[in-house]
Amino acid sequence: MNLNELSNAQVLFLYFTNKSIYDSYTQIIEDKMYKSSLELFDMGSIVINHSLHEEDVKELEESDHFRYLMEIDIMLEPIASLIEEADPDLFNEIKTMVDQRF
């Protein structure tokens, strides 16, 4: 199956990459905070939580960026599910690759 000349692997790559970013945004909105990490070389790392004001959360929820992430997730999810049914090995291969990157 090709979607506008994209291979199944490419569709899955786009789906999982988008989903990772979309899930991160969703988590930030739900928690009303985001985390940043600072590497301290030999000592490890520290995580800093940054709280968001209600206005910031609302602005993020209403942003075009978040809307596009959500729309793409909704559009690609059923296609990814069909590919998973047809080729679970490819589905898992691409998912693992993207998970290791993000």
N, C-alpha and C. Protein backbone atom coordinates (compact mmCIF):
# COMPACT_ATOMS: atom_id res chain seq x y z
N MET A 1 0.85 -1.18 0.00
CA MET A 1 0.00 0.00 0.00
C MET A 1 0.89 1.24 0.00
N ASN A 2 0.64 2.15 -0.89
CA ASN A 2 1.36 3.42 -0.94
C ASN A 2 0.37 4.56 -0.76
N LEU A 3 0.75 5.52 0.01
CA LEU A 3 -0.07 6.71 0.22
C LEU A 3 0.66 7.87 -0.45
N ASN A 4 0.15 8.30 -1.59
CA ASN A 4 0.82 9.37 -2.34
C ASN A 4 2.30 9.06 -2.55
N GLU A 5 2.57 7.82 -2.94
CA GLU A 5 3.92 7.36 -3.24
C GLU A 5 4.81 7.18 -2.01
N LEU A 6 4.26 7.26 -0.82
CA LEU A 6 5.04 6.95 0.39
C LEU A 6 4.95 5.46 0.64
N SER A 7 6.06 4.86 1.02
CA SER A 7 6.04 3.44 1.37
C SER A 7 5.41 3.28 2.76
N ASN A 8 5.06 2.05 3.08
CA ASN A 8 4.52 1.77 4.42
C ASN A 8 5.51 2.18 5.50
N ALA A 9 6.78 1.92 5.28
CA ALA A 9 7.80 2.29 6.26
C ALA A 9 7.83 3.81 6.46
N GLN A 10 7.72 4.55 5.37
CA GLN A 10 7.73 6.02 5.47
C GLN A 10 6.48 6.54 6.18
N VAL A 11 5.33 5.95 5.89
CA VAL A 11 4.10 6.35 6.57
C VAL A 11 4.23 6.08 8.06
N LEU A 12 4.74 4.92 8.43
CA LEU A 12 4.92 4.60 9.85
C LEU A 12 5.93 5.53 10.50
N PHE A 13 7.00 5.84 9.80
CA PHE A 13 7.99 6.77 10.34
C PHE A 13 7.33 8.12 10.64
N LEU A 14 6.56 8.64 9.69
CA LEU A 14 5.87 9.91 9.91
C LEU A 14 4.87 9.81 11.06
N TYR A 15 4.15 8.71 11.10
CA TYR A 15 3.16 8.51 12.18
C TYR A 15 3.82 8.50 13.55
N PHE A 16 4.85 7.68 13.71
CA PHE A 16 5.49 7.56 15.03
C PHE A 16 6.25 8.83 15.42
N THR A 17 6.86 9.49 14.47
CA THR A 17 7.56 10.73 14.76
C THR A 17 6.57 11.80 15.21
N ASN A 18 5.49 11.95 14.45
CA ASN A 18 4.45 12.91 14.81
C ASN A 18 3.84 12.57 16.16
N LYS A 19 3.55 11.28 16.38
CA LYS A 19 2.91 10.84 17.63
C LYS A 19 3.79 11.15 18.83
N SER A 20 5.08 10.98 18.69
CA SER A 20 6.00 11.27 19.78
C SER A 20 5.93 12.75 20.18
N ILE A 21 5.93 13.62 19.18
CA ILE A 21 5.85 15.06 19.45
C ILE A 21 4.47 15.42 20.00
N TYR A 22 3.42 14.87 19.39
CA TYR A 22 2.06 15.13 19.85
C TYR A 22 1.87 14.67 21.30
N ASP A 23 2.37 13.48 21.63
CA ASP A 23 2.25 12.98 23.00
C ASP A 23 3.01 13.86 23.99
N SER A 24 4.15 14.40 23.57
CA SER A 24 4.91 15.31 24.44
C SER A 24 4.12 16.58 24.71
N TYR A 25 3.54 17.15 23.67
CA TYR A 25 2.71 18.35 23.84
C TYR A 25 1.53 18.05 24.75
N THR A 26 0.87 16.92 24.52
CA THR A 26 -0.29 16.55 25.33
C THR A 26 0.11 16.41 26.80
N GLN A 27 1.25 15.81 27.06
CA GLN A 27 1.73 15.65 28.44
C GLN A 27 2.01 17.01 29.07
N ILE A 28 2.61 17.91 28.33
CA ILE A 28 2.88 19.27 28.84
C ILE A 28 1.58 19.97 29.18
N ILE A 29 0.59 19.85 28.31
CA ILE A 29 -0.71 20.48 28.55
C ILE A 29 -1.38 19.88 29.78
N GLU A 30 -1.37 18.56 29.91
CA GLU A 30 -1.99 17.90 31.05
C GLU A 30 -1.30 18.26 32.37
N ASP A 31 0.04 18.25 32.35
CA ASP A 31 0.80 18.51 33.57
C ASP A 31 0.94 20.00 33.88
N LYS A 32 0.68 20.83 32.86
CA LYS A 32 0.88 22.27 32.97
C LYS A 32 2.33 22.60 33.35
N MET A 33 3.23 21.79 32.81
CA MET A 33 4.66 22.00 33.03
C MET A 33 5.44 21.24 31.98
N TYR A 34 6.69 21.65 31.79
CA TYR A 34 7.58 20.88 30.95
C TYR A 34 8.89 20.69 31.69
N LYS A 35 9.63 19.72 31.28
CA LYS A 35 10.88 19.36 31.94
C LYS A 35 12.05 19.59 31.00
N SER A 36 13.13 20.05 31.56
CA SER A 36 14.37 20.14 30.79
C SER A 36 15.45 19.43 31.59
N SER A 37 16.40 18.90 30.88
CA SER A 37 17.46 18.12 31.51
C SER A 37 18.80 18.80 31.25
N LEU A 38 19.64 18.78 32.27
CA LEU A 38 20.97 19.38 32.17
C LEU A 38 22.00 18.31 32.51
N GLU A 39 22.86 18.01 31.55
CA GLU A 39 23.90 17.01 31.75
C GLU A 39 25.06 17.62 32.55
N LEU A 40 25.50 16.92 33.57
CA LEU A 40 26.60 17.38 34.42
C LEU A 40 27.83 16.51 34.25
N PHE A 41 28.09 16.10 33.04
CA PHE A 41 29.24 15.30 32.66
C PHE A 41 29.38 14.08 33.56
N ASP A 42 30.42 13.98 34.37
CA ASP A 42 30.67 12.79 35.20
C ASP A 42 29.66 12.60 36.32
N MET A 43 28.95 13.65 36.66
CA MET A 43 28.04 13.60 37.81
C MET A 43 26.63 13.15 37.44
N GLY A 44 26.32 13.00 36.19
CA GLY A 44 24.98 12.60 35.77
C GLY A 44 24.21 13.77 35.20
N SER A 45 22.94 13.85 35.51
CA SER A 45 22.12 14.93 34.99
C SER A 45 21.09 15.35 36.03
N ILE A 46 20.56 16.54 35.85
CA ILE A 46 19.47 17.01 36.70
C ILE A 46 18.28 17.36 35.80
N VAL A 47 17.10 17.21 36.35
CA VAL A 47 15.88 17.54 35.62
C VAL A 47 15.24 18.74 36.30
N ILE A 48 14.88 19.72 35.49
CA ILE A 48 14.28 20.94 36.00
C ILE A 48 12.84 21.00 35.48
N ASN A 49 11.89 21.18 36.38
CA ASN A 49 10.48 21.33 36.00
C ASN A 49 10.15 22.81 35.87
N HIS A 50 9.51 23.17 34.77
CA HIS A 50 9.10 24.54 34.51
C HIS A 50 7.57 24.57 34.49
N SER A 51 6.97 25.23 35.46
CA SER A 51 5.51 25.35 35.51
C SER A 51 5.03 26.35 34.48
N LEU A 52 3.85 26.08 33.93
CA LEU A 52 3.25 26.97 32.95
C LEU A 52 2.01 27.64 33.54
N HIS A 53 1.82 28.90 33.22
CA HIS A 53 0.61 29.60 33.62
C HIS A 53 -0.55 29.12 32.76
N GLU A 54 -1.76 29.29 33.26
CA GLU A 54 -2.95 28.87 32.52
C GLU A 54 -2.99 29.48 31.12
N GLU A 55 -2.58 30.75 31.00
CA GLU A 55 -2.60 31.41 29.70
C GLU A 55 -1.64 30.72 28.73
N ASP A 56 -0.49 30.29 29.24
CA ASP A 56 0.49 29.60 28.40
C ASP A 56 -0.04 28.25 27.92
N VAL A 57 -0.72 27.54 28.83
CA VAL A 57 -1.29 26.24 28.47
C VAL A 57 -2.37 26.43 27.41
N LYS A 58 -3.22 27.44 27.61
CA LYS A 58 -4.29 27.71 26.64
C LYS A 58 -3.70 28.10 25.29
N GLU A 59 -2.67 28.92 25.30
CA GLU A 59 -2.02 29.32 24.05
C GLU A 59 -1.43 28.11 23.32
N LEU A 60 -0.84 27.20 24.08
CA LEU A 60 -0.28 25.98 23.49
C LEU A 60 -1.39 25.11 22.89
N GLU A 61 -2.48 24.94 23.65
CA GLU A 61 -3.60 24.12 23.17
C GLU A 61 -4.21 24.69 21.89
N GLU A 62 -4.23 25.99 21.77
CA GLU A 62 -4.86 26.65 20.63
C GLU A 62 -3.90 26.95 19.48
N SER A 63 -2.65 26.55 19.64
CA SER A 63 -1.66 26.85 18.61
C SER A 63 -1.89 25.99 17.36
N ASP A 64 -1.53 26.57 16.22
CA ASP A 64 -1.62 25.82 14.96
C ASP A 64 -0.73 24.58 15.01
N HIS A 65 0.42 24.72 15.63
CA HIS A 65 1.37 23.60 15.71
C HIS A 65 0.71 22.39 16.39
N PHE A 66 0.09 22.62 17.54
CA PHE A 66 -0.56 21.53 18.27
C PHE A 66 -1.74 20.99 17.47
N ARG A 67 -2.50 21.87 16.84
CA ARG A 67 -3.65 21.44 16.04
C ARG A 67 -3.20 20.54 14.89
N TYR A 68 -2.14 20.93 14.19
CA TYR A 68 -1.64 20.09 13.09
C TYR A 68 -1.13 18.75 13.60
N LEU A 69 -0.43 18.75 14.72
CA LEU A 69 0.03 17.48 15.29
C LEU A 69 -1.14 16.56 15.58
N MET A 70 -2.20 17.12 16.17
CA MET A 70 -3.38 16.33 16.51
C MET A 70 -4.08 15.82 15.25
N GLU A 71 -4.25 16.69 14.25
CA GLU A 71 -4.93 16.29 13.02
C GLU A 71 -4.16 15.20 12.28
N ILE A 72 -2.84 15.33 12.24
CA ILE A 72 -2.02 14.32 11.56
C ILE A 72 -2.10 13.00 12.31
N ASP A 73 -2.09 13.05 13.64
CA ASP A 73 -2.21 11.83 14.44
C ASP A 73 -3.53 11.13 14.14
N ILE A 74 -4.60 11.89 14.11
CA ILE A 74 -5.93 11.33 13.83
C ILE A 74 -5.99 10.73 12.43
N MET A 75 -5.36 11.39 11.47
CA MET A 75 -5.41 10.90 10.08
C MET A 75 -4.53 9.67 9.86
N LEU A 76 -3.36 9.63 10.49
CA LEU A 76 -2.43 8.53 10.23
C LEU A 76 -2.68 7.29 11.11
N GLU A 77 -3.35 7.44 12.24
CA GLU A 77 -3.54 6.31 13.16
C GLU A 77 -4.25 5.14 12.50
N PRO A 78 -5.37 5.35 11.78
CA PRO A 78 -6.01 4.18 11.16
C PRO A 78 -5.14 3.54 10.08
N ILE A 79 -4.35 4.34 9.37
CA ILE A 79 -3.47 3.79 8.35
C ILE A 79 -2.37 2.97 9.02
N ALA A 80 -1.81 3.49 10.12
CA ALA A 80 -0.78 2.76 10.86
C ALA A 80 -1.34 1.44 11.40
N SER A 81 -2.59 1.46 11.84
CA SER A 81 -3.22 0.24 12.34
C SER A 81 -3.38 -0.81 11.24
N LEU A 82 -3.74 -0.36 10.05
CA LEU A 82 -3.85 -1.29 8.92
C LEU A 82 -2.49 -1.89 8.57
N ILE A 83 -1.47 -1.06 8.58
CA ILE A 83 -0.12 -1.56 8.29
C ILE A 83 0.31 -2.54 9.37
N GLU A 84 -0.02 -2.23 10.63
CA GLU A 84 0.33 -3.15 11.74
C GLU A 84 -0.30 -4.52 11.52
N GLU A 85 -1.57 -4.54 11.10
CA GLU A 85 -2.24 -5.82 10.84
C GLU A 85 -1.60 -6.57 9.68
N ALA A 86 -1.22 -5.84 8.64
CA ALA A 86 -0.67 -6.46 7.44
C ALA A 86 0.79 -6.85 7.59
N ASP A 87 1.55 -6.07 8.35
CA ASP A 87 3.00 -6.30 8.46
C ASP A 87 3.49 -5.90 9.86
N PRO A 88 3.18 -6.73 10.87
CA PRO A 88 3.55 -6.38 12.25
C PRO A 88 5.06 -6.24 12.45
N ASP A 89 5.84 -6.98 11.69
CA ASP A 89 7.30 -6.87 11.84
C ASP A 89 7.78 -5.48 11.42
N LEU A 90 7.29 -5.00 10.29
CA LEU A 90 7.66 -3.65 9.84
C LEU A 90 7.18 -2.61 10.85
N PHE A 91 5.96 -2.75 11.32
CA PHE A 91 5.40 -1.84 12.31
C PHE A 91 6.31 -1.75 13.53
N ASN A 92 6.70 -2.90 14.07
CA ASN A 92 7.55 -2.93 15.27
C ASN A 92 8.96 -2.42 14.99
N GLU A 93 9.47 -2.71 13.80
CA GLU A 93 10.81 -2.24 13.42
C GLU A 93 10.87 -0.71 13.40
N ILE A 94 9.89 -0.09 12.75
CA ILE A 94 9.87 1.36 12.64
C ILE A 94 9.57 1.99 14.00
N LYS A 95 8.66 1.40 14.75
CA LYS A 95 8.34 1.92 16.10
C LYS A 95 9.58 1.92 16.98
N THR A 96 10.31 0.82 16.97
CA THR A 96 11.53 0.70 17.77
C THR A 96 12.57 1.73 17.35
N MET A 97 12.74 1.90 16.04
CA MET A 97 13.71 2.88 15.54
C MET A 97 13.35 4.28 16.02
N VAL A 98 12.09 4.67 15.89
CA VAL A 98 11.68 6.02 16.29
C VAL A 98 11.76 6.17 17.81
N ASP A 99 11.34 5.14 18.55
CA ASP A 99 11.41 5.20 20.02
C ASP A 99 12.84 5.39 20.51
N GLN A 100 13.78 4.75 19.85
CA GLN A 100 15.19 4.88 20.26
C GLN A 100 15.73 6.26 19.96
N ARG A 101 15.19 6.89 18.95
CA ARG A 101 15.65 8.25 18.57
C ARG A 101 15.09 9.30 19.50
N PHE A 102 13.82 9.15 19.89
CA PHE A 102 13.18 10.14 20.74
C PHE A 102 13.20 9.62 22.14
